[in-house]
Amino acid sequence: MGMMTTLRNRMHVVLWSLLILFILSMTVGGLVG
């Protein structure tokens, strides 16, 4: 029940979201461009 665990999990989710968004944008750019 520590604040650090919650913070770490949140950072993990944010990092994964950024990674997925990056891959999606690259794929869309490759398909459209």
C-alpha atoms as a PDB file:
ATOM      1  CA  MET A   1       0.000   0.000   0.000  1.00  0.00           C
ATOM      2  CA  GLY A   2       2.924   2.305  -0.712  1.00  0.00           C
ATOM      3  CA  MET A   3       2.857   5.462  -2.761  1.00  0.00           C
ATOM      4  CA  MET A   4       5.929   4.330  -4.694  1.00  0.00           C
ATOM      5  CA  THR A   5       4.214   1.202  -6.033  1.00  0.00           C
ATOM      6  CA  THR A   6       1.267   3.209  -7.322  1.00  0.00           C
ATOM      7  CA  LEU A   7       3.595   5.774  -8.877  1.00  0.00           C
ATOM      8  CA  ARG A   8       5.703   3.054 -10.495  1.00  0.00           C
ATOM      9  CA  ASN A   9       2.646   1.285 -11.902  1.00  0.00           C
ATOM     10  CA  ARG A  10       1.316   4.564 -13.277  1.00  0.00           C
ATOM     11  CA  MET A  11       4.653   5.305 -14.946  1.00  0.00           C
ATOM     12  CA  HIS A  12       4.637   1.793 -16.407  1.00  0.00           C
ATOM     13  CA  VAL A  13       1.186   2.356 -17.919  1.00  0.00           C
ATOM     14  CA  VAL A  14       2.193   5.766 -19.294  1.00  0.00           C
ATOM     15  CA  LEU A  15       5.359   4.351 -20.864  1.00  0.00           C
ATOM     16  CA  TRP A  16       3.458   1.496 -22.499  1.00  0.00           C
ATOM     17  CA  SER A  17       0.803   3.911 -23.779  1.00  0.00           C
ATOM     18  CA  LEU A  18       3.484   6.134 -25.304  1.00  0.00           C
ATOM     19  CA  LEU A  19       5.146   3.126 -26.920  1.00  0.00           C
ATOM     20  CA  ILE A  20       1.862   1.910 -28.427  1.00  0.00           C
ATOM     21  CA  LEU A  21       0.995   5.413 -29.656  1.00  0.00           C
ATOM     22  CA  PHE A  22       4.442   5.731 -31.223  1.00  0.00           C
ATOM     23  CA  ILE A  23       4.112   2.403 -33.044  1.00  0.00           C
ATOM     24  CA  LEU A  24       0.590   3.274 -34.183  1.00  0.00           C
ATOM     25  CA  SER A  25       1.671   6.651 -35.553  1.00  0.00           C
ATOM     26  CA  MET A  26       4.608   5.041 -37.350  1.00  0.00           C
ATOM     27  CA  THR A  27       2.326   2.405 -38.890  1.00  0.00           C
ATOM     28  CA  VAL A  28      -0.283   4.950 -39.972  1.00  0.00           C
ATOM     29  CA  GLY A  29       2.432   7.241 -41.351  1.00  0.00           C
ATOM     30  CA  GLY A  30       3.916   4.344 -43.312  1.00  0.00           C
ATOM     31  CA  LEU A  31       0.528   3.328 -44.709  1.00  0.00           C
ATOM     32  CA  VAL A  32      -0.674   6.825 -45.583  1.00  0.00           C
ATOM     33  CA  GLY A  33       2.647   8.402 -46.529  1.00  0.00           C
END
